[in-house]
Amino acid sequence: MSRRARVEPVPGEPAAVARTDGERVLVVADYHAGIEVGLRYERGVELESAADVRLARLERLLDRTRPDRLLVLGDLVHRIGPPDGDEVDELVTVVDRVTDRVPMTLVPGNHDGGVADTVARRGVDLEVVGSGGVRLGPVGFVHGHTWPASDVLRADVVCTAHEHPTVKLADEVGGSRVERAWLRGRLDPTAFTGHVDVDVDADTGAGHGATELVVVPAFNDRSGGTWVNVDGQDFLSPFLPEALPDGELYLLDGTRLGHYRRV
């Protein structure tokens, strides 16, 4: 199986199916449950909650892909710190509904500091791994706000998130639109030198084969993102863009746009 075939985007959706050893894993990133509460106290923006809409979209994805597991690639909740109020209600509802169908794993992001304790108090069955990520067979997963564990980098494909990658597209009459997008390409192991205890020559270099890096778009369409093709837009992850020198952009419908800096 090719590396690309191990992680296949779901056409038209900010989600992918990863083929690990023995499981088909539905992968979504940056769910940001309770974001409307956050926008209210962070920016004074009042929006009606879309919690039911988000959950319905997620359940349709479960119906469509019929996975063995759901993996959330960080930022399941929006608040940085312990979730509270409506955020807790949405978090518990999502985990309850999903785990009635399949096991659920969270690779924690920078917004998930209080999730493990919250779900434990509510008796919700959510697996939370370490912040360095997890490797499931040939696929590694890390949120991207911190350096990955060395074992994650030894995978054939590494999935990360945190950036909410978006692309700004201009039309022929001077207008523009912003769309969520995938970033994919060869992982450059030298970007991790001095930060991750990995022998890059043996583990991710010629002796291992080229590892692919996949940056997953945000599931939440209210969470904004990094305009990766706009000058002056800084990446958030400590290893991007250096770890993805030849990254290519793909829209959610599968349209290939080419190198992200040339779009």
Protein backbone atom coordinates (compact mmCIF):
# COMPACT_ATOMS: atom_id res chain seq x y z
CA MET A 1 0.00 0.00 0.00
CA SER A 2 1.34 3.43 -0.90
CA ARG A 3 1.87 6.02 1.83
CA ARG A 4 -0.76 8.26 0.24
CA ALA A 5 -3.33 5.45 0.37
CA ARG A 6 -2.81 5.09 4.12
CA VAL A 7 -4.53 8.45 4.74
CA GLU A 8 -7.34 9.22 2.31
CA PRO A 9 -9.37 12.44 2.61
CA VAL A 10 -13.13 12.04 2.61
CA PRO A 11 -14.24 13.88 -0.56
CA GLY A 12 -15.83 17.22 0.25
CA GLU A 13 -15.16 16.99 3.98
CA PRO A 14 -12.42 18.15 6.40
CA ALA A 15 -11.85 14.55 7.44
CA ALA A 16 -9.82 11.52 6.41
CA VAL A 17 -9.80 7.77 6.82
CA ALA A 18 -6.46 6.39 8.02
CA ARG A 19 -5.69 2.72 7.49
CA THR A 20 -3.69 1.55 10.47
CA ASP A 21 -2.82 -2.01 11.45
CA GLY A 22 -6.23 -3.69 11.66
CA GLU A 23 -8.39 -0.55 11.90
CA ARG A 24 -10.00 2.05 9.68
CA VAL A 25 -9.77 5.29 11.66
CA LEU A 26 -11.87 8.37 10.92
CA VAL A 27 -9.67 11.42 11.57
CA VAL A 28 -10.98 14.93 12.26
CA ALA A 29 -9.09 17.87 13.73
CA ASP A 30 -9.86 21.09 15.57
CA TYR A 31 -13.48 20.39 16.47
CA HIS A 32 -13.52 23.30 18.95
CA ALA A 33 -16.65 22.36 20.86
CA GLY A 34 -18.07 25.42 22.59
CA ILE A 35 -16.45 27.89 20.22
CA GLU A 36 -19.45 30.23 20.39
CA VAL A 37 -18.88 30.65 24.13
CA GLY A 38 -15.25 31.41 23.42
CA LEU A 39 -16.02 33.97 20.75
CA ARG A 40 -18.35 35.71 23.19
CA TYR A 41 -15.78 36.14 25.98
CA GLU A 42 -12.73 36.56 23.70
CA ARG A 43 -14.11 38.98 21.11
CA GLY A 44 -17.58 40.00 22.19
CA VAL A 45 -19.09 38.21 19.18
CA GLU A 46 -22.56 36.76 19.70
CA LEU A 47 -23.38 33.70 17.58
CA GLU A 48 -26.08 31.10 18.00
CA SER A 49 -24.62 27.76 18.98
CA ALA A 50 -23.93 25.37 16.12
CA ALA A 51 -23.29 22.44 18.46
CA ASP A 52 -26.14 20.39 16.99
CA VAL A 53 -24.98 21.13 13.44
CA ARG A 54 -21.40 20.04 14.23
CA LEU A 55 -22.57 16.82 15.83
CA ALA A 56 -24.91 16.02 12.94
CA ARG A 57 -22.03 16.50 10.48
CA LEU A 58 -19.83 14.21 12.54
CA GLU A 59 -22.51 11.53 12.75
CA ARG A 60 -23.05 11.69 8.98
CA LEU A 61 -19.32 11.12 8.54
CA LEU A 62 -19.50 8.07 10.80
CA ASP A 63 -22.41 6.77 8.71
CA ARG A 64 -20.57 7.46 5.46
CA THR A 65 -17.17 5.99 6.37
CA ARG A 66 -18.15 3.28 8.89
CA PRO A 67 -14.81 3.40 10.75
CA ASP A 68 -13.57 1.22 13.58
CA ARG A 69 -12.51 4.28 15.59
CA LEU A 70 -12.77 8.07 15.65
CA LEU A 71 -9.54 9.96 16.31
CA VAL A 72 -9.71 13.69 17.05
CA LEU A 73 -6.40 15.28 16.16
CA GLY A 74 -6.46 17.91 18.87
CA ASP A 75 -8.58 20.84 20.07
CA LEU A 76 -11.72 18.87 20.72
CA VAL A 77 -12.82 21.85 22.84
CA HIS A 78 -12.25 25.56 22.35
CA ARG A 79 -11.43 26.99 25.77
CA ILE A 80 -7.76 27.00 26.76
CA GLY A 81 -8.08 25.58 30.25
CA PRO A 82 -10.78 23.44 31.84
CA PRO A 83 -14.02 23.53 29.79
CA ASP A 84 -17.02 25.04 31.51
CA GLY A 85 -20.77 25.44 31.09
CA ASP A 86 -22.04 24.93 27.56
CA GLU A 87 -18.61 23.71 26.49
CA VAL A 88 -18.84 20.78 28.90
CA ASP A 89 -22.36 19.97 27.72
CA GLU A 90 -21.25 19.86 24.08
CA LEU A 91 -18.10 17.87 24.92
CA VAL A 92 -19.97 15.22 26.87
CA THR A 93 -22.75 14.97 24.29
CA VAL A 94 -20.27 14.48 21.43
CA VAL A 95 -18.26 11.83 23.26
CA ASP A 96 -21.39 10.00 24.43
CA ARG A 97 -22.90 9.90 20.94
CA VAL A 98 -19.69 8.81 19.26
CA THR A 99 -18.72 6.14 21.79
CA ASP A 100 -22.17 4.59 21.53
CA ARG A 101 -20.92 3.58 18.07
CA VAL A 102 -17.11 3.36 18.05
CA PRO A 103 -14.17 3.96 20.40
CA MET A 104 -12.90 7.54 20.44
CA THR A 105 -9.31 8.74 20.87
CA LEU A 106 -8.13 12.30 21.51
CA VAL A 107 -4.62 13.42 20.61
CA PRO A 108 -4.65 16.51 22.83
CA GLY A 109 -4.03 19.98 21.47
CA ASN A 110 -3.26 23.27 23.15
CA HIS A 111 -6.98 23.79 23.90
CA ASP A 112 -7.50 20.39 25.56
CA GLY A 113 -5.74 20.82 28.89
CA GLY A 114 -8.82 20.13 30.99
CA VAL A 115 -10.55 17.54 28.83
CA ALA A 116 -9.19 14.36 30.45
CA ASP A 117 -10.24 15.43 33.96
CA THR A 118 -13.63 16.69 32.76
CA VAL A 119 -14.62 13.48 31.00
CA ALA A 120 -13.31 11.40 33.92
CA ARG A 121 -15.59 13.29 36.33
CA ARG A 122 -18.55 12.77 34.02
CA GLY A 123 -17.82 9.08 33.48
CA VAL A 124 -17.33 9.50 29.72
CA ASP A 125 -15.28 6.86 27.90
CA LEU A 126 -12.69 8.88 25.97
CA GLU A 127 -9.10 7.73 25.43
CA VAL A 128 -6.67 10.65 25.78
CA VAL A 129 -3.06 10.01 24.71
CA GLY A 130 0.04 12.08 25.45
CA SER A 131 0.70 15.49 23.92
CA GLY A 132 3.56 14.02 21.87
CA GLY A 133 1.00 12.10 19.88
CA VAL A 134 0.53 8.45 19.09
CA ARG A 135 1.54 6.02 16.39
CA LEU A 136 -1.00 3.48 15.19
CA GLY A 137 0.88 1.07 12.96
CA PRO A 138 2.16 2.94 9.88
CA VAL A 139 0.44 6.25 10.73
CA GLY A 140 1.53 8.79 13.34
CA PHE A 141 -0.70 11.48 14.82
CA VAL A 142 0.23 14.70 16.65
CA HIS A 143 -1.74 17.92 17.07
CA GLY A 144 1.20 20.08 16.07
CA HIS A 145 1.43 22.69 18.83
CA THR A 146 4.43 20.89 20.28
CA TRP A 147 7.16 18.57 19.07
CA PRO A 148 6.03 15.02 18.28
CA ALA A 149 7.29 11.92 20.04
CA SER A 150 10.13 10.21 18.19
CA ASP A 151 8.02 7.11 17.53
CA VAL A 152 5.45 9.26 15.71
CA LEU A 153 8.13 10.44 13.28
CA ARG A 154 9.04 6.83 12.47
CA ALA A 155 5.64 6.30 10.83
CA ASP A 156 5.14 6.13 7.07
CA VAL A 157 2.66 9.01 7.29
CA VAL A 158 2.43 11.70 9.98
CA CYS A 159 -0.87 13.56 10.41
CA THR A 160 -0.86 16.92 12.17
CA ALA A 161 -3.32 19.79 12.64
CA HIS A 162 -3.28 23.05 14.67
CA GLU A 163 -2.75 25.28 11.60
CA HIS A 164 -6.35 25.23 10.29
CA PRO A 165 -4.81 25.58 6.78
CA THR A 166 -6.81 27.79 4.43
CA VAL A 167 -6.12 29.18 0.98
CA LYS A 168 -7.11 32.59 -0.37
CA LEU A 169 -8.25 32.34 -3.97
CA ALA A 170 -8.72 35.32 -6.30
CA ASP A 171 -11.21 35.42 -9.17
CA GLU A 172 -11.00 37.15 -12.55
CA VAL A 173 -12.93 40.24 -11.41
CA GLY A 174 -10.77 41.02 -8.39
CA GLY A 175 -12.82 39.26 -5.75
CA SER A 176 -11.54 36.53 -3.46
CA ARG A 177 -12.71 33.69 -1.27
CA VAL A 178 -11.07 31.66 1.48
CA GLU A 179 -11.40 27.88 1.60
CA ARG A 180 -10.17 25.21 3.96
CA ALA A 181 -7.48 23.03 2.44
CA TRP A 182 -5.16 20.08 2.96
CA LEU A 183 -1.37 20.37 2.94
CA ARG A 184 0.53 17.23 1.94
CA GLY A 185 4.12 16.48 1.03
CA ARG A 186 7.43 14.95 1.95
CA LEU A 187 8.41 15.39 5.59
CA ASP A 188 11.87 16.95 5.99
CA PRO A 189 13.35 15.30 9.10
CA THR A 190 16.00 17.99 9.55
CA ALA A 191 13.25 20.32 10.84
CA PHE A 192 13.21 18.21 14.04
CA THR A 193 16.96 18.12 14.67
CA GLY A 194 17.77 19.14 18.21
CA HIS A 195 14.16 18.79 19.36
CA VAL A 196 13.19 15.15 18.80
CA ASP A 197 15.42 12.20 19.67
CA VAL A 198 15.40 10.52 16.28
CA ASP A 199 18.24 9.33 14.10
CA VAL A 200 16.94 10.99 10.96
CA ASP A 201 19.20 9.05 8.60
CA ALA A 202 18.12 5.68 9.95
CA ASP A 203 14.52 6.37 10.87
CA THR A 204 13.15 8.87 8.37
CA GLY A 205 15.86 9.07 5.74
CA ALA A 206 17.09 6.71 3.04
CA GLY A 207 16.95 3.66 5.26
CA HIS A 208 13.28 4.12 6.00
CA GLY A 209 11.85 5.80 2.93
CA ALA A 210 10.35 9.25 2.62
CA THR A 211 7.76 9.96 5.31
CA GLU A 212 4.69 11.91 4.20
CA LEU A 213 3.34 14.79 6.28
CA VAL A 214 -0.37 15.61 6.12
CA VAL A 215 -1.76 18.81 7.65
CA VAL A 216 -5.46 18.24 8.32
CA PRO A 217 -7.93 21.13 7.89
CA ALA A 218 -10.13 22.26 10.78
CA PHE A 219 -13.48 20.52 11.19
CA ASN A 220 -15.01 23.65 12.74
CA ASP A 221 -15.83 26.21 10.06
CA ARG A 222 -15.95 29.04 12.62
CA SER A 223 -12.40 28.63 13.89
CA GLY A 224 -10.50 30.63 11.25
CA GLY A 225 -7.13 29.55 9.97
CA THR A 226 -3.70 30.25 8.53
CA TRP A 227 -3.78 31.62 4.96
CA VAL A 228 -0.87 29.47 3.86
CA ASN A 229 -0.49 31.13 0.43
CA VAL A 230 -0.42 34.73 1.68
CA ASP A 231 2.90 36.46 2.40
CA GLY A 232 3.35 37.47 6.01
CA GLN A 233 1.12 34.73 7.41
CA ASP A 234 3.14 32.91 10.05
CA PHE A 235 2.66 29.24 10.75
CA LEU A 236 1.72 28.24 14.29
CA SER A 237 3.47 24.88 14.60
CA PRO A 238 7.10 24.85 15.76
CA PHE A 239 8.07 22.54 12.87
CA LEU A 240 6.19 24.24 10.03
CA PRO A 241 6.81 25.27 7.32
CA GLU A 242 10.36 23.86 7.58
CA ALA A 243 9.14 20.25 7.83
CA LEU A 244 7.09 20.60 4.63
CA PRO A 245 9.28 22.34 2.03
CA ASP A 246 7.46 20.87 -0.96
CA GLY A 247 3.94 20.91 0.46
CA GLU A 248 1.05 20.95 -1.98
CA LEU A 249 -2.44 22.30 -1.43
CA TYR A 250 -5.65 20.36 -2.04
CA LEU A 251 -9.17 21.71 -1.64
CA LEU A 252 -11.74 19.65 0.22
CA ASP A 253 -13.20 18.45 -3.10
CA GLY A 254 -9.79 17.03 -4.07
CA THR A 255 -8.71 19.80 -6.44
CA ARG A 256 -4.89 19.95 -6.51
CA LEU A 257 -3.63 23.52 -6.48
CA GLY A 258 0.12 22.86 -6.46
CA HIS A 259 2.83 24.18 -4.15
CA TYR A 260 1.21 26.23 -1.39
CA ARG A 261 3.45 29.28 -1.93
CA ARG A 262 2.70 29.47 -5.65
CA VAL A 263 -1.10 29.48 -5.50
